[in-house]
Amino acid sequence: MPFWLNDLGIVSALGVGHQQTMQSISLQPKQTLTEVTSLAFEQRPTFVGLVNELPLTASMRFYQLIDLALAQIADTLTGINIPSSRIAVVIGTSTAAIQEGERGRIAHAAKGKWPEEFDYYDQALVAPANYIAKKLAAKGPSYSISTACSSSAKALISARALLSADLADVVICGGVDSLCQLTINGFDSLSSISDEICKPFSGDRAGINIGEAAALFIMSKEQHTKQSIAFLGGGESSDAHHISAPIADGSGAIAAMTMALQDANLTPSDIDYINAHGTATPQNDAMESLAISEVFGKNTKVSSSKHLTGHTLGAAGALEAGLCWLYLAYPEFNQLVCNQVIKDDSLAEIGLITQPEKAVINTCLSNSFAFGGNNVSVVLGHLNESL
């Protein structure tokens, strides 16, 4: 039975909505990251994937990101006539509204009281799922998943499980994370933040840029729009090699990609494009290139989009699956993300897209790998079915 991703609300450093996102990718190598000084210790200049429509000073930016994504899918959801009790919500996040906690702490230290709008509950990881459920009056299951950078990819697989178990007819699924001091300084303490815009799979790569995003899908068993794209399969593994480093032989990633292909009843040659996790850290890119080479060889087109969006952490899986969805839903959108690199002969050879290239995509695989060896791969594509 196919499962359908009927619509997508997408917000990132690439812009708000389908058209802005696709236009930004089509204008490569236009810079989409922003240099800020207000988030890192000692006001160190840091490139981030900032959603420019929302200034960093805006209150409750986390919920505003969700609102921007929800507005894009509102009409499609309204057109699906089902009881509210049959609408579920599954959201991946790693921070929730922790930025509000950071601001509240500073205000409390300065004035001896919390800001009027401060609510500790907003920092709970379940807050984004419950916020969406309340906005939509959805009465089905509602929960968040927090497995670091694989969170929202797992949310898509979890959404499918709810549909398979007949616990819902529609699931709003995806992820959201907003910029905050915790993540930037946390990754900086691991010596993982790049001083420049990150360079996935390049010989001079030096770490990540943190970003923010919201990406929300409407998943169902039924095909509700002409742009509906099939969720063909997903694979999950947990190699538990290290709290923050991937296992060097790529076995966890290989297992996730292999399971995703098996779940989708596809072979490696059926995949037209891979959106790699591609964080631009020395260890991830070495591991992932080895894993992709093992499963797909060097002929499948591969690129990472994190130099355009930043690493959006809990939102990354849904955001990057969302970019795949756009390639599939808009055949005229055929400008693939490319990674201009200095060749690294120590990396396994893969079909990395290193120059602007156009191609019509029918099937995509998207990778998301997280702390603790939590690995997820999802497959999206077309089916020979029509409305």
Protein backbone atom coordinates (compact mmCIF):
# COMPACT_ATOMS: atom_id res chain seq x y z
CA MET A 1 0.00 0.00 0.00
CA PRO A 2 1.44 3.43 -0.91
CA PHE A 3 1.57 6.27 1.57
CA TRP A 4 1.33 9.78 0.23
CA LEU A 5 3.01 13.05 1.09
CA ASN A 6 0.26 15.30 -0.21
CA ASP A 7 1.70 18.73 0.53
CA LEU A 8 4.69 20.41 2.13
CA GLY A 9 5.19 23.55 4.19
CA ILE A 10 8.85 24.50 4.12
CA VAL A 11 10.83 27.28 5.80
CA SER A 12 14.62 27.63 5.94
CA ALA A 13 17.51 29.89 5.01
CA LEU A 14 16.51 29.15 1.41
CA GLY A 15 13.27 31.05 1.95
CA VAL A 16 9.63 30.53 2.85
CA GLY A 17 7.55 28.26 0.63
CA HIS A 18 8.09 26.17 -2.47
CA GLN A 19 8.94 28.92 -4.94
CA GLN A 20 11.48 30.78 -2.78
CA THR A 21 13.18 27.52 -1.86
CA MET A 22 13.46 26.34 -5.45
CA GLN A 23 14.61 29.75 -6.66
CA SER A 24 17.40 29.88 -4.08
CA ILE A 25 18.68 26.49 -5.19
CA SER A 26 18.45 27.52 -8.83
CA LEU A 27 20.62 30.57 -8.08
CA GLN A 28 23.56 28.52 -6.78
CA PRO A 29 26.24 29.41 -5.78
CA LYS A 30 24.42 32.39 -4.25
CA GLN A 31 25.17 32.56 -0.52
CA THR A 32 22.15 31.80 1.65
CA LEU A 33 23.77 31.63 5.10
CA THR A 34 24.06 34.68 7.35
CA GLU A 35 26.94 35.78 9.57
CA VAL A 36 25.84 36.70 13.11
CA THR A 37 27.66 37.57 16.33
CA SER A 38 24.87 37.31 18.89
CA LEU A 39 24.74 33.53 19.34
CA ALA A 40 28.30 32.35 19.92
CA PHE A 41 30.42 32.90 23.03
CA GLU A 42 32.33 36.18 23.08
CA GLN A 43 30.26 37.30 20.07
CA ARG A 44 32.42 35.31 17.69
CA PRO A 45 31.21 35.77 14.09
CA THR A 46 29.41 32.61 13.01
CA PHE A 47 27.63 31.63 9.79
CA VAL A 48 24.13 30.27 10.41
CA GLY A 49 21.13 29.18 8.37
CA LEU A 50 18.89 32.04 9.49
CA VAL A 51 15.29 32.41 8.33
CA ASN A 52 15.61 36.08 7.41
CA GLU A 53 11.86 36.68 7.46
CA LEU A 54 12.05 36.36 11.26
CA PRO A 55 14.66 38.55 12.98
CA LEU A 56 16.62 36.90 15.76
CA THR A 57 15.09 39.37 18.19
CA ALA A 58 11.55 38.22 17.39
CA SER A 59 9.68 36.71 20.32
CA MET A 60 8.63 33.06 20.06
CA ARG A 61 10.46 32.54 16.77
CA PHE A 62 10.07 28.77 17.19
CA TYR A 63 6.29 28.93 16.96
CA GLN A 64 6.48 31.53 14.19
CA LEU A 65 8.51 29.07 12.11
CA ILE A 66 5.74 26.52 12.60
CA ASP A 67 3.09 29.09 11.65
CA LEU A 68 4.91 29.90 8.40
CA ALA A 69 4.96 26.22 7.46
CA LEU A 70 1.39 25.51 8.54
CA ALA A 71 0.04 28.39 6.45
CA GLN A 72 1.41 26.72 3.32
CA ILE A 73 -0.50 23.46 3.83
CA ALA A 74 -3.71 24.92 5.27
CA ASP A 75 -5.74 24.81 2.05
CA THR A 76 -4.81 21.21 1.30
CA LEU A 77 -5.68 20.12 4.83
CA THR A 78 -9.01 21.95 4.67
CA GLY A 79 -9.84 20.07 1.48
CA ILE A 80 -9.37 16.71 3.20
CA ASN A 81 -12.69 16.13 4.90
CA ILE A 82 -12.02 13.87 7.88
CA PRO A 83 -12.93 14.04 11.58
CA SER A 84 -10.47 15.82 13.84
CA SER A 85 -10.12 12.62 15.86
CA ARG A 86 -8.45 11.03 12.82
CA ILE A 87 -5.73 13.69 12.45
CA ALA A 88 -2.44 12.91 14.20
CA VAL A 89 0.73 14.98 14.67
CA VAL A 90 4.32 13.70 14.85
CA ILE A 91 7.13 16.26 14.99
CA GLY A 92 10.89 15.92 15.26
CA THR A 93 12.82 18.53 17.24
CA SER A 94 16.00 18.84 19.27
CA THR A 95 15.55 22.22 20.94
CA ALA A 96 11.85 23.15 21.09
CA ALA A 97 11.66 26.82 22.18
CA ILE A 98 14.83 26.78 24.24
CA GLN A 99 15.80 30.19 22.86
CA GLU A 100 12.96 31.63 24.94
CA GLY A 101 14.54 30.03 27.98
CA GLU A 102 17.86 31.65 27.15
CA ARG A 103 16.20 35.05 26.85
CA GLY A 104 14.18 34.48 29.99
CA ARG A 105 17.30 33.64 31.98
CA ILE A 106 19.01 36.86 30.85
CA ALA A 107 15.93 38.93 31.68
CA HIS A 108 15.56 37.28 35.07
CA ALA A 109 19.20 37.93 35.90
CA ALA A 110 18.83 41.58 34.95
CA LYS A 111 15.40 42.37 36.42
CA GLY A 112 14.77 39.64 38.95
CA LYS A 113 11.65 38.35 37.17
CA TRP A 114 10.69 36.33 34.15
CA PRO A 115 9.22 38.01 31.05
CA GLU A 116 5.42 38.01 30.94
CA GLU A 117 5.33 35.76 27.87
CA PHE A 118 7.76 33.23 29.35
CA ASP A 119 6.36 29.74 29.88
CA TYR A 120 8.68 26.92 30.87
CA TYR A 121 6.42 24.46 29.05
CA ASP A 122 7.48 25.93 25.69
CA GLN A 123 10.87 24.29 26.18
CA ALA A 124 9.32 20.83 26.51
CA LEU A 125 10.14 18.66 23.50
CA VAL A 126 6.47 17.80 23.05
CA ALA A 127 5.54 21.49 22.79
CA PRO A 128 5.76 21.78 18.96
CA ALA A 129 3.53 18.74 18.38
CA ASN A 130 0.95 19.96 20.87
CA TYR A 131 1.09 23.48 19.46
CA ILE A 132 0.30 22.17 15.96
CA ALA A 133 -2.44 19.87 17.28
CA LYS A 134 -4.06 22.79 19.09
CA LYS A 135 -3.83 25.07 16.04
CA LEU A 136 -5.47 22.44 13.86
CA ALA A 137 -7.88 21.10 16.52
CA ALA A 138 -6.38 17.68 15.80
CA LYS A 139 -7.53 15.07 18.31
CA GLY A 140 -5.51 12.06 17.19
CA PRO A 141 -2.17 10.95 18.66
CA SER A 142 0.24 13.87 19.10
CA TYR A 143 3.87 13.55 20.09
CA SER A 144 7.42 14.65 19.36
CA ILE A 145 10.52 12.63 18.54
CA SER A 146 13.94 13.81 19.66
CA THR A 147 16.83 11.73 18.39
CA ALA A 148 19.06 14.69 17.50
CA CYS A 149 19.69 15.06 13.76
CA SER A 150 17.52 12.10 12.71
CA SER A 151 14.44 13.28 14.63
CA SER A 152 12.22 14.47 11.80
CA ALA A 153 13.19 11.67 9.41
CA LYS A 154 12.03 9.28 12.12
CA ALA A 155 8.84 11.35 12.40
CA LEU A 156 7.99 10.43 8.79
CA ILE A 157 8.46 6.73 9.49
CA SER A 158 6.46 7.04 12.70
CA ALA A 159 3.67 8.80 10.82
CA ARG A 160 3.46 5.91 8.41
CA ALA A 161 3.23 3.52 11.36
CA LEU A 162 0.23 5.42 12.74
CA LEU A 163 -1.51 5.18 9.38
CA SER A 164 -0.66 1.48 9.06
CA ALA A 165 -2.09 0.80 12.50
CA ASP A 166 -5.30 2.66 11.56
CA LEU A 167 -4.78 5.14 14.39
CA ALA A 168 -5.18 8.08 12.00
CA ASP A 169 -6.22 8.92 8.46
CA VAL A 170 -3.94 11.96 8.15
CA VAL A 171 -0.69 12.74 9.96
CA ILE A 172 0.98 16.13 10.06
CA CYS A 173 4.61 15.09 10.23
CA GLY A 174 7.99 16.73 9.93
CA GLY A 175 10.28 18.79 12.09
CA VAL A 176 11.20 22.18 13.46
CA ASP A 177 14.21 23.66 15.21
CA SER A 178 15.22 27.28 15.77
CA LEU A 179 18.58 28.92 16.27
CA CYS A 180 19.76 29.25 19.85
CA GLN A 181 22.95 29.64 21.84
CA LEU A 182 22.79 26.10 23.24
CA THR A 183 23.30 24.30 19.94
CA ILE A 184 25.86 26.68 18.45
CA ASN A 185 28.04 26.77 21.55
CA GLY A 186 27.51 23.08 22.19
CA PHE A 187 28.81 22.11 18.76
CA ASP A 188 31.56 24.70 19.09
CA SER A 189 32.71 22.99 22.28
CA LEU A 190 33.12 19.83 20.18
CA SER A 191 35.30 21.82 17.73
CA SER A 192 32.68 21.10 15.06
CA ILE A 193 31.68 24.62 13.98
CA SER A 194 33.25 25.95 10.79
CA ASP A 195 34.50 29.54 10.72
CA GLU A 196 33.42 29.68 7.08
CA ILE A 197 30.46 28.37 5.12
CA CYS A 198 30.67 24.61 5.40
CA LYS A 199 32.06 22.50 2.56
CA PRO A 200 30.53 19.01 2.49
CA PHE A 201 32.83 16.30 1.09
CA SER A 202 35.61 18.77 0.37
CA GLY A 203 39.24 18.20 1.24
CA ASP A 204 39.28 21.48 3.17
CA ARG A 205 36.05 20.86 5.10
CA ALA A 206 36.24 22.10 8.68
CA GLY A 207 32.86 21.52 10.30
CA ILE A 208 29.23 22.53 10.26
CA ASN A 209 27.07 25.63 10.26
CA ILE A 210 23.95 25.47 12.42
CA GLY A 211 20.62 26.40 10.83
CA GLU A 212 16.93 26.55 11.61
CA ALA A 213 13.93 25.29 9.69
CA ALA A 214 10.40 23.99 9.72
CA ALA A 215 9.20 21.35 7.28
CA LEU A 216 5.72 19.87 7.62
CA PHE A 217 4.09 17.21 5.43
CA ILE A 218 0.52 15.99 5.16
CA MET A 219 0.81 12.19 5.01
CA SER A 220 -2.10 9.86 4.31
CA LYS A 221 -3.03 6.55 2.72
CA GLU A 222 -4.96 8.42 0.05
CA GLN A 223 -3.61 10.61 -2.73
CA HIS A 224 -5.24 14.00 -2.20
CA THR A 225 -3.41 16.36 -4.60
CA LYS A 226 -1.87 16.21 -8.04
CA GLN A 227 1.47 16.98 -6.38
CA SER A 228 1.22 14.04 -4.00
CA ILE A 229 4.51 12.14 -3.79
CA ALA A 230 4.78 8.59 -2.51
CA PHE A 231 6.65 7.80 0.69
CA LEU A 232 8.12 4.56 -0.60
CA GLY A 233 10.19 3.32 2.31
CA GLY A 234 12.32 3.97 5.34
CA GLY A 235 15.17 2.29 7.15
CA GLU A 236 16.45 2.79 10.70
CA SER A 237 19.51 1.53 12.54
CA SER A 238 21.28 2.29 15.79
CA ASP A 239 24.96 1.42 15.81
CA ALA A 240 25.52 3.01 19.27
CA HIS A 241 29.21 3.37 18.43
CA HIS A 242 29.85 6.67 20.24
CA ILE A 243 27.84 9.45 21.85
CA SER A 244 28.69 11.91 19.06
CA ALA A 245 30.93 10.23 16.45
CA PRO A 246 29.71 7.88 13.68
CA ILE A 247 31.15 4.40 13.35
CA ALA A 248 33.98 4.77 10.86
CA ASP A 249 33.18 1.72 8.72
CA GLY A 250 29.76 3.13 7.83
CA SER A 251 27.96 -0.05 8.88
CA GLY A 252 25.14 1.81 10.63
CA ALA A 253 24.49 4.02 7.60
CA ILE A 254 24.76 1.03 5.26
CA ALA A 255 22.13 -0.80 7.31
CA ALA A 256 19.72 2.15 7.21
CA MET A 257 20.07 2.69 3.46
CA THR A 258 19.78 -1.03 2.71
CA MET A 259 16.64 -1.37 4.85
CA ALA A 260 15.09 1.68 3.18
CA LEU A 261 15.66 0.18 -0.27
CA GLN A 262 14.26 -3.17 0.82
CA ASP A 263 11.25 -1.48 2.40
CA ALA A 264 10.63 0.38 -0.86
CA ASN A 265 11.17 -2.81 -2.89
CA LEU A 266 13.86 -1.02 -4.90
CA THR A 267 17.46 -1.67 -5.87
CA PRO A 268 20.31 0.87 -5.66
CA SER A 269 20.09 1.44 -9.41
CA ASP A 270 16.48 2.62 -9.00
CA ILE A 271 17.57 5.70 -7.01
CA ASP A 272 18.15 8.81 -9.13
CA TYR A 273 19.44 11.13 -6.41
CA ILE A 274 20.71 10.94 -2.83
CA ASN A 275 20.49 13.91 -0.47
CA ALA A 276 23.42 13.06 1.77
CA HIS A 277 23.59 13.90 5.45
CA GLY A 278 26.84 15.61 4.44
CA THR A 279 27.63 17.70 7.50
CA ALA A 280 31.14 18.72 6.33
CA THR A 281 32.77 17.31 9.45
CA PRO A 282 35.82 15.13 8.77
CA GLN A 283 34.32 12.02 10.34
CA ASN A 284 30.77 12.16 8.97
CA ASP A 285 31.77 12.76 5.37
CA ALA A 286 34.40 10.01 5.45
CA MET A 287 31.90 7.56 6.93
CA GLU A 288 29.02 8.53 4.66
CA SER A 289 31.00 8.48 1.43
CA LEU A 290 32.23 5.00 2.35
CA ALA A 291 28.68 3.84 3.09
CA ILE A 292 27.19 5.33 -0.08
CA SER A 293 30.00 3.85 -2.16
CA GLU A 294 29.37 0.44 -0.63
CA VAL A 295 25.63 0.49 -1.40
CA PHE A 296 25.40 2.59 -4.56
CA GLY A 297 28.87 2.68 -6.08
CA LYS A 298 29.87 5.88 -7.87
CA ASN A 299 27.11 6.35 -10.45
CA THR A 300 24.18 7.59 -8.35
CA LYS A 301 23.99 11.38 -8.11
CA VAL A 302 24.78 12.63 -4.58
CA SER A 303 24.97 16.02 -2.89
CA SER A 304 24.52 17.68 0.49
CA SER A 305 22.41 20.80 0.93
CA LYS A 306 23.82 21.90 4.30
CA HIS A 307 26.01 24.66 2.84
CA LEU A 308 22.72 26.28 1.74
CA THR A 309 20.54 25.69 4.82
CA GLY A 310 22.96 25.01 7.63
CA HIS A 311 22.52 21.88 9.70
CA THR A 312 18.99 22.28 11.00
CA LEU A 313 19.37 19.46 13.55
CA GLY A 314 15.95 18.12 14.57
CA ALA A 315 14.40 19.60 11.41
CA ALA A 316 17.11 18.36 9.02
CA GLY A 317 15.53 15.03 8.08
CA ALA A 318 12.19 16.56 7.09
CA LEU A 319 13.78 19.60 5.45
CA GLU A 320 16.02 17.49 3.23
CA ALA A 321 13.24 15.04 2.44
CA GLY A 322 11.30 18.21 1.59
CA LEU A 323 13.91 19.25 -0.96
CA CYS A 324 13.56 15.79 -2.52
CA TRP A 325 9.77 16.25 -2.51
CA LEU A 326 10.15 19.51 -4.43
CA TYR A 327 12.27 17.82 -7.11
CA LEU A 328 9.59 15.18 -7.50
CA ALA A 329 6.55 17.47 -7.32
CA TYR A 330 7.90 20.08 -9.76
CA PRO A 331 9.53 18.42 -12.80
CA GLU A 332 10.56 21.88 -14.04
CA PHE A 333 12.66 22.23 -10.88
CA ASN A 334 15.66 20.31 -12.12
CA GLN A 335 18.66 22.27 -10.82
CA LEU A 336 20.35 19.84 -8.45
CA VAL A 337 22.19 20.98 -5.36
CA CYS A 338 25.92 20.86 -6.03
CA ASN A 339 28.97 20.75 -3.76
CA GLN A 340 31.97 22.56 -5.19
CA VAL A 341 34.90 20.80 -3.56
CA ILE A 342 38.62 20.42 -3.33
CA LYS A 343 39.04 16.73 -4.04
CA ASP A 344 39.80 14.57 -1.02
CA ASP A 345 41.49 11.39 -2.20
CA SER A 346 40.93 9.80 1.21
CA LEU A 347 37.15 9.71 0.64
CA ALA A 348 35.50 6.78 -1.08
CA GLU A 349 34.45 7.65 -4.62
CA ILE A 350 30.75 8.51 -5.01
CA GLY A 351 28.72 10.30 -7.66
CA LEU A 352 29.11 13.68 -6.00
CA ILE A 353 27.60 16.59 -7.94
CA THR A 354 30.42 19.15 -8.04
CA GLN A 355 29.18 21.49 -10.79
CA PRO A 356 25.73 22.94 -11.60
CA GLU A 357 23.73 20.13 -13.13
CA LYS A 358 20.14 19.59 -14.22
CA ALA A 359 18.24 16.32 -14.12
CA VAL A 360 14.66 15.12 -13.83
CA ILE A 361 14.34 13.02 -10.69
CA ASN A 362 11.86 10.15 -10.20
CA THR A 363 13.15 8.54 -7.01
CA CYS A 364 15.18 10.03 -4.13
CA LEU A 365 16.85 8.74 -1.00
CA SER A 366 17.58 11.11 1.89
CA ASN A 367 20.01 10.31 4.72
CA SER A 368 19.92 11.56 8.31
CA PHE A 369 22.55 10.43 10.82
CA ALA A 370 22.56 11.46 14.47
CA PHE A 371 24.43 11.36 17.76
CA GLY A 372 24.50 7.93 19.32
CA GLY A 373 24.62 6.27 15.91
CA ASN A 374 20.92 6.84 15.25
CA ASN A 375 20.63 6.44 11.47
CA VAL A 376 17.63 6.96 9.20
CA SER A 377 17.17 6.80 5.42
CA VAL A 378 13.90 7.53 3.63
CA VAL A 379 12.88 6.98 0.01
CA LEU A 380 10.43 9.21 -1.88
CA GLY A 381 9.28 8.82 -5.46
CA HIS A 382 6.63 8.62 -8.14
CA LEU A 383 4.17 5.78 -8.61
CA ASN A 384 2.40 4.98 -11.85
CA GLU A 385 -0.92 5.97 -10.38
CA SER A 386 -3.11 8.98 -11.01
CA LEU A 387 -5.86 10.81 -9.22
